[in-house]
Structures are given as structure tokens and as C-alpha cells.
Amino acid sequence: MACKIDPALHREQKPDWIRVKLPRDPVFWSTQALIADLKLHTVCEEAQCPNRWECWSQGTATFMIAGERCTRACGFCAVKTAKPFALEADEPQRVAQAVQRLRLNHVVITAVARDDLPDGGALHFAQTMEAVREAVPGITLEILVPDFNGRDEALLSVMQAKPHIFNHNLETVERLTPLVRSRAKYERSLQVLQRAGQMANELGYRCATKSGLMLGLGETEVELFAAMDDLLEHGVSVLTLGQYLRPSAQHLPVIDYIHPDTFEHYKQVALAKGFRHVASAPLVRSSYHAADFRPELDVAVQGDCAG
């Protein structure tokens, strides 16, 4: 079930099921104030996430480290493309302080692509995870990373910090990857996901691997199901599917608005194929209700991955 629209339009008519509630809970404003006070960035704001009102009202946020300037210019993404500033050495401690003050038991940490850095910002990821774990022992650590240009040494420094959930988004099907994702390669993303799982095993701990795709960019069901199969073949156990929403007229147009019933159908297909956990709905994003996936239950992680 898909609603065809004219891709030449600058303002698409959104269907009734694409609705975002404005914030009313005071927790939203206190979360916003805390993030501003610690001078942190969130993907919630920078990527114009439609769920930020809901998540912030629940006292949760996805922290975006390494600045708000990305070295890539993906056709779907609202994050600013510009020459990045230098990394802030105290940012890991500020993120840890925010996590502690928000009393989180599951945190998602992501970052812009930093192709200007030799390691793509991998060490900064590791330092942030270590700071958070020290501040809040026992917390579930989920990271959403760029591809580090496929560099094994960069990926290894991230995996040595022992995240519980490793997320790298495929974003779209193979055919559309050159159009949608700046500099990224479909096969390289699959390899990053596979290598992360292999490294965790080599380091002696269990780590769930996770990926997500946006729908409505012109992909076919056959292509989507093929991408699911590719992810499973590369060891991915957690999948998110959500509707692509155009950030501005300068970004790629929406080709289809996928009906919620179709998202539910795709969820059942993905589960039948073998994914352990699937979130699939129009407003689902990579970190939406991330804490619903419990790695210690779903992939038999015993205790803290850092142990």
C-alpha cells in the first residue's frame, strides 16, 4: 500500500498517518535545557527527528558526538555538511554527565562522519563509551557509527570499548545507494556490520549488530527483501524500518508514503526471515524506543559486556 506522489513537488502532501505530537510534558523542556547546559549535540535536533518530542518528554536522547558538521553530503540527511571543527577533548565527560543526570539505563551514541580524521573519530567513540560506563556502571551502550571508510583498525578501537549494540545503517537498497548515500558503499556497510560482530567474538564478548533502512525512496519490495537477506547473511539481528521524510526542497524527494499496514507486513516478513527484533512503522528511526531491545535477553548476553 503506497501513495504515489509527484517527485518534482517541493512540498509533499503528507498522509494522515504522518502526525507528530507537540511537546506538553515539562520533562521535554528540562531535557532540552540539560543538553543546552552541557553544550551537547543530539541527532534528535540535527537530523530533525520526528520523534524528538516524544523521546525528550521521556527523558531520553541520542547523543551526537564529534560536532554537528559532517564531511559527507547524503541526499536524505538534514545534518549540516561543512568543514568540521576540532574534537572537544571533554565531550566524553559531558555526555557521561548528561547520561547520569538523565538517569538513563540505555544510551545511544552516534556521530557525524569525520573523514577528515585518520580514524574517522573512532577513538572519540571509544572514549565516550568508556566515560559513560564509568559514570553509570551497568548501562546498556548502543552506538550508531559511520563506516570509518572500511578501516579495520578504526573499527577495532570502537569494538575494544565493548558496546552492547553496534548499529550501522544500510539506509537504502543496493540500487539506490549511490544516489542516497554520499561516499558510502552498500557492500562496505555490510562488511562493517559483519566485521563488528566478528571482532566482538574475537575479543570474547557478545554484541548485537543492528541496521536500518528508510522506505519511500523508490525501492521495490524485491529489493527490500534482498537487503534483509544481505543483512542476515552478514550477522545482523536487529532491524529498523521507517518512512523517509524530506528535510527540505534541496534533499531527495519522497517517492512513496508507505502505509502503516505495509510496515507491519514488512515487520512480519523480517521476523520470519530470522531477525531477532524488528521495529517497523512510519516514524521509526534508528534509535526510536531503542531500549525495547534487550540484548541480555535477546542475544543471551550475560552481565555487562565490559566484563
Protein backbone atom coordinates (compact mmCIF):
# COMPACT_ATOMS: atom_id res chain seq x y z
CA MET A 1 0.00 0.00 0.00
CA ALA A 2 1.78 3.12 -1.18
CA CYS A 3 0.66 6.61 -2.05
CA LYS A 4 2.34 7.80 -5.26
CA ILE A 5 3.30 11.45 -5.39
CA ASP A 6 4.95 13.75 -7.89
CA PRO A 7 8.69 13.75 -7.06
CA ALA A 8 9.02 17.20 -8.65
CA LEU A 9 6.97 18.79 -5.86
CA HIS A 10 8.97 20.72 -3.25
CA ARG A 11 6.30 20.21 -0.56
CA GLU A 12 4.76 16.77 -0.47
CA GLN A 13 1.26 16.29 0.90
CA LYS A 14 1.79 14.03 3.88
CA PRO A 15 -0.83 11.37 4.60
CA ASP A 16 -2.87 11.33 7.79
CA TRP A 17 -0.68 8.72 9.46
CA ILE A 18 2.35 11.04 9.44
CA ARG A 19 1.49 13.02 12.55
CA VAL A 20 3.84 14.39 15.21
CA LYS A 21 2.56 15.49 18.61
CA LEU A 22 3.95 18.72 20.00
CA PRO A 23 5.53 18.64 23.47
CA ARG A 24 3.41 19.23 26.56
CA ASP A 25 5.34 17.32 29.20
CA PRO A 26 7.69 19.53 31.28
CA VAL A 27 10.30 16.74 31.09
CA PHE A 28 10.80 17.72 27.43
CA TRP A 29 11.90 21.21 28.38
CA SER A 30 14.13 20.02 31.22
CA THR A 31 15.85 17.57 28.86
CA GLN A 32 16.34 20.34 26.31
CA ALA A 33 17.78 22.61 28.99
CA LEU A 34 20.17 19.93 30.21
CA ILE A 35 21.52 19.28 26.71
CA ALA A 36 21.97 23.00 26.12
CA ASP A 37 23.62 23.49 29.51
CA LEU A 38 26.24 20.82 28.75
CA LYS A 39 26.73 22.17 25.20
CA LEU A 40 25.94 18.83 23.60
CA HIS A 41 24.51 17.90 20.22
CA THR A 42 21.77 15.37 19.60
CA VAL A 43 20.79 13.65 16.40
CA CYS A 44 17.24 14.41 17.52
CA GLU A 45 17.76 18.08 16.65
CA GLU A 46 20.44 17.97 13.96
CA ALA A 47 18.66 15.35 11.85
CA GLN A 48 15.19 16.82 12.53
CA CYS A 49 13.95 13.55 14.03
CA PRO A 50 10.12 13.49 14.13
CA ASN A 51 10.16 11.67 17.48
CA ARG A 52 12.24 14.13 19.46
CA TRP A 53 9.17 15.49 21.27
CA GLU A 54 8.20 12.03 22.48
CA CYS A 55 11.71 10.89 23.38
CA TRP A 56 12.71 14.07 25.18
CA SER A 57 9.43 14.03 27.10
CA GLN A 58 10.53 10.60 28.35
CA GLY A 59 13.94 11.97 29.32
CA THR A 60 15.86 10.17 26.55
CA ALA A 61 18.04 11.43 23.73
CA THR A 62 20.53 10.13 21.17
CA PHE A 63 23.80 11.97 21.68
CA MET A 64 25.69 13.03 18.57
CA ILE A 65 29.40 13.40 19.26
CA ALA A 66 32.29 14.83 17.23
CA GLY A 67 30.43 18.02 16.35
CA GLU A 68 27.41 18.92 14.24
CA ARG A 69 29.29 19.29 10.93
CA CYS A 70 29.50 16.25 8.65
CA THR A 71 32.10 15.66 5.94
CA ARG A 72 29.53 13.91 3.74
CA ALA A 73 26.52 15.25 1.88
CA CYS A 74 23.98 12.43 1.79
CA GLY A 75 20.85 13.17 -0.20
CA PHE A 76 18.49 12.33 2.66
CA CYS A 77 20.19 13.84 5.70
CA ALA A 78 19.45 17.15 7.42
CA VAL A 79 22.80 17.32 9.24
CA LYS A 80 24.97 20.20 8.03
CA THR A 81 27.78 19.44 5.57
CA ALA A 82 30.82 21.63 6.29
CA LYS A 83 34.44 21.54 7.37
CA PRO A 84 34.29 20.18 10.94
CA PHE A 85 35.80 21.82 13.99
CA ALA A 86 38.40 20.07 16.11
CA LEU A 87 37.19 17.40 18.50
CA GLU A 88 36.40 18.60 22.03
CA ALA A 89 38.52 16.65 24.49
CA ASP A 90 35.98 16.99 27.33
CA GLU A 91 32.97 15.93 25.27
CA PRO A 92 33.05 12.29 26.51
CA GLN A 93 32.79 13.51 30.11
CA ARG A 94 29.95 15.91 29.24
CA VAL A 95 27.99 13.10 27.57
CA ALA A 96 28.59 10.91 30.62
CA GLN A 97 27.34 13.67 32.90
CA ALA A 98 24.17 14.06 30.82
CA VAL A 99 23.52 10.32 30.88
CA GLN A 100 23.97 10.29 34.64
CA ARG A 101 21.71 13.29 35.22
CA LEU A 102 19.00 11.86 32.95
CA ARG A 103 19.22 8.58 34.88
CA LEU A 104 19.36 6.54 31.69
CA ASN A 105 19.80 2.78 31.65
CA HIS A 106 20.17 2.63 27.85
CA VAL A 107 22.06 5.25 25.87
CA VAL A 108 22.55 5.66 22.12
CA ILE A 109 25.68 7.45 20.93
CA THR A 110 26.13 8.44 17.30
CA ALA A 111 28.33 10.83 15.34
CA VAL A 112 28.71 12.68 12.10
CA ALA A 113 31.07 11.22 9.50
CA ARG A 114 34.55 12.59 10.18
CA ASP A 115 36.50 11.69 7.04
CA ASP A 116 38.91 14.50 7.96
CA LEU A 117 40.29 12.40 10.84
CA PRO A 118 42.68 9.47 10.27
CA ASP A 119 40.47 7.14 12.33
CA GLY A 120 37.14 8.73 11.38
CA GLY A 121 36.52 9.63 15.03
CA ALA A 122 36.69 6.01 16.24
CA LEU A 123 38.86 6.74 19.29
CA HIS A 124 36.46 9.53 20.31
CA PHE A 125 33.63 6.98 20.21
CA ALA A 126 35.62 4.64 22.42
CA GLN A 127 36.50 7.37 24.91
CA THR A 128 32.84 8.42 25.14
CA MET A 129 31.69 4.87 25.80
CA GLU A 130 34.34 4.44 28.48
CA ALA A 131 33.35 7.70 30.18
CA VAL A 132 29.65 6.76 30.16
CA ARG A 133 30.32 3.28 31.50
CA GLU A 134 32.45 4.70 34.31
CA ALA A 135 29.74 7.22 35.25
CA VAL A 136 26.85 4.74 35.02
CA PRO A 137 28.03 1.15 35.60
CA GLY A 138 25.73 -1.44 34.10
CA ILE A 139 24.23 0.87 31.47
CA THR A 140 23.41 -0.61 28.05
CA LEU A 141 25.63 1.04 25.45
CA GLU A 142 24.36 1.33 21.89
CA ILE A 143 26.43 3.04 19.21
CA LEU A 144 25.38 4.16 15.73
CA VAL A 145 28.53 4.64 13.70
CA PRO A 146 29.63 5.75 10.23
CA ASP A 147 31.59 3.29 8.10
CA PHE A 148 35.07 4.64 9.04
CA ASN A 149 35.86 4.18 5.32
CA GLY A 150 36.07 0.46 5.99
CA ARG A 151 39.24 0.74 8.10
CA ASP A 152 39.60 -2.29 10.34
CA GLU A 153 41.92 -0.55 12.79
CA ALA A 154 39.36 2.20 13.40
CA LEU A 155 36.54 -0.31 13.86
CA LEU A 156 38.69 -2.34 16.25
CA SER A 157 39.26 0.64 18.55
CA VAL A 158 35.47 1.05 18.79
CA MET A 159 34.83 -2.63 19.44
CA GLN A 160 37.53 -2.77 22.14
CA ALA A 161 35.28 -0.42 24.17
CA LYS A 162 32.70 -3.27 24.13
CA PRO A 163 29.34 -1.79 23.10
CA HIS A 164 26.32 -3.97 23.74
CA ILE A 165 24.67 -3.00 20.44
CA PHE A 166 26.57 -1.99 17.30
CA ASN A 167 24.43 -0.12 14.78
CA HIS A 168 25.42 0.95 11.29
CA ASN A 169 22.61 1.84 8.92
CA LEU A 170 22.37 0.44 5.42
CA GLU A 171 19.88 3.30 4.84
CA THR A 172 18.56 2.03 1.48
CA VAL A 173 18.67 -0.81 -1.02
CA GLU A 174 21.71 -1.57 -3.14
CA ARG A 175 20.45 0.08 -6.36
CA LEU A 176 19.71 3.40 -4.65
CA THR A 177 22.86 3.60 -2.52
CA PRO A 178 24.92 5.75 -4.95
CA LEU A 179 22.05 8.27 -5.14
CA VAL A 180 21.16 8.34 -1.45
CA ARG A 181 24.47 7.95 0.43
CA SER A 182 27.45 10.22 -0.18
CA ARG A 183 30.71 8.22 -0.47
CA ALA A 184 29.15 5.18 1.18
CA LYS A 185 29.08 1.77 -0.46
CA TYR A 186 26.45 -0.92 0.05
CA GLU A 187 28.93 -3.79 0.29
CA ARG A 188 31.26 -1.84 2.57
CA SER A 189 28.42 -1.21 5.04
CA LEU A 190 27.63 -4.92 5.09
CA GLN A 191 31.29 -5.71 5.73
CA VAL A 192 31.46 -3.18 8.59
CA LEU A 193 28.50 -4.88 10.26
CA GLN A 194 29.96 -8.34 9.79
CA ARG A 195 33.43 -7.36 11.00
CA ALA A 196 31.97 -5.72 14.12
CA GLY A 197 30.33 -8.98 15.11
CA GLN A 198 33.47 -10.95 14.33
CA MET A 199 35.64 -8.59 16.37
CA ALA A 200 33.34 -8.84 19.37
CA ASN A 201 33.64 -12.62 19.23
CA GLU A 202 37.43 -12.40 18.92
CA LEU A 203 37.52 -10.07 21.93
CA GLY A 204 35.46 -12.54 23.93
CA TYR A 205 32.09 -10.83 24.33
CA ARG A 206 28.68 -10.85 22.68
CA CYS A 207 27.44 -7.80 20.80
CA ALA A 208 24.20 -7.48 18.84
CA THR A 209 24.52 -5.89 15.41
CA LYS A 210 21.75 -3.65 14.16
CA SER A 211 20.91 -1.79 10.94
CA GLY A 212 18.11 0.27 9.46
CA LEU A 213 16.59 1.32 6.17
CA MET A 214 14.44 4.26 5.10
CA LEU A 215 11.49 3.43 2.86
CA GLY A 216 9.78 5.59 0.29
CA LEU A 217 12.82 6.48 -1.84
CA GLY A 218 11.69 4.34 -4.76
CA GLU A 219 12.81 0.89 -3.61
CA THR A 220 10.82 -2.19 -4.59
CA GLU A 221 9.70 -4.96 -2.25
CA VAL A 222 12.04 -7.37 -4.01
CA GLU A 223 14.96 -5.03 -3.36
CA LEU A 224 13.94 -4.52 0.27
CA PHE A 225 13.69 -8.25 0.93
CA ALA A 226 17.07 -8.76 -0.76
CA ALA A 227 18.58 -6.15 1.60
CA MET A 228 17.06 -8.01 4.56
CA ASP A 229 18.69 -11.23 3.34
CA ASP A 230 22.04 -9.47 2.89
CA LEU A 231 21.92 -8.13 6.45
CA LEU A 232 21.09 -11.54 7.89
CA GLU A 233 23.93 -13.12 5.91
CA HIS A 234 26.29 -10.59 7.50
CA GLY A 235 25.18 -11.38 11.05
CA VAL A 236 22.71 -8.55 11.72
CA SER A 237 19.98 -9.49 14.22
CA VAL A 238 18.14 -6.18 14.82
CA LEU A 239 16.37 -4.22 12.07
CA THR A 240 14.59 -0.85 11.92
CA LEU A 241 12.38 0.29 9.05
CA GLY A 242 10.95 3.80 8.82
CA GLN A 243 9.48 6.28 6.37
CA TYR A 244 11.87 8.69 4.65
CA LEU A 245 10.74 12.28 5.22
CA ARG A 246 12.27 15.01 3.11
CA PRO A 247 14.09 17.59 5.28
CA SER A 248 13.99 20.35 2.64
CA ALA A 249 13.50 21.03 -1.06
CA GLN A 250 17.24 20.53 -1.53
CA HIS A 251 17.03 16.91 -0.42
CA LEU A 252 15.81 13.83 -2.28
CA PRO A 253 12.05 13.76 -2.84
CA VAL A 254 9.72 11.24 -1.27
CA ILE A 255 8.58 8.80 -3.95
CA ASP A 256 6.14 6.78 -1.82
CA TYR A 257 4.43 7.14 1.54
CA ILE A 258 4.27 3.62 2.88
CA HIS A 259 1.07 2.70 4.73
CA PRO A 260 1.37 1.54 8.38
CA ASP A 261 -0.19 -1.81 7.44
CA THR A 262 2.61 -2.36 4.94
CA PHE A 263 5.21 -1.54 7.57
CA GLU A 264 3.61 -4.17 9.81
CA HIS A 265 3.72 -6.67 6.93
CA TYR A 266 7.42 -5.95 6.43
CA LYS A 267 8.00 -6.50 10.15
CA GLN A 268 6.42 -9.94 9.98
CA VAL A 269 8.45 -10.80 6.87
CA ALA A 270 11.67 -9.72 8.61
CA LEU A 271 10.88 -11.74 11.73
CA ALA A 272 10.05 -14.79 9.61
CA LYS A 273 13.38 -14.41 7.83
CA GLY A 274 15.21 -14.59 11.15
CA PHE A 275 15.74 -11.15 12.68
CA ARG A 276 15.51 -11.26 16.50
CA HIS A 277 13.99 -7.80 16.91
CA VAL A 278 12.28 -5.55 14.33
CA ALA A 279 10.87 -2.03 14.69
CA SER A 280 8.85 -1.08 11.62
CA ALA A 281 6.48 1.89 11.35
CA PRO A 282 6.37 5.24 9.51
CA LEU A 283 8.01 7.27 12.29
CA VAL A 284 10.53 4.63 13.39
CA ARG A 285 14.13 5.84 13.38
CA SER A 286 17.35 4.05 14.30
CA SER A 287 17.19 4.89 17.99
CA TYR A 288 13.42 5.11 18.44
CA HIS A 289 12.46 3.05 21.52
CA ALA A 290 15.98 1.59 21.35
CA ALA A 291 15.70 0.31 24.90
CA ASP A 292 12.88 -2.04 23.83
CA PHE A 293 15.60 -4.35 22.52
CA ARG A 294 17.22 -6.06 25.48
CA PRO A 295 20.49 -7.63 24.38
CA GLU A 296 20.89 -9.55 27.62
CA LEU A 297 17.58 -11.28 26.86
CA ASP A 298 17.52 -11.49 23.09
CA VAL A 299 21.13 -12.48 22.38
CA ALA A 300 21.95 -14.13 25.70
CA VAL A 301 24.45 -11.55 26.90
CA GLN A 302 25.32 -12.43 30.48
CA GLY A 303 26.01 -9.42 32.67
CA ASP A 304 27.90 -6.39 31.40
CA CYS A 305 29.64 -6.66 28.03
CA ALA A 306 32.60 -4.90 29.57
CA GLY A 307 33.14 -7.76 31.97
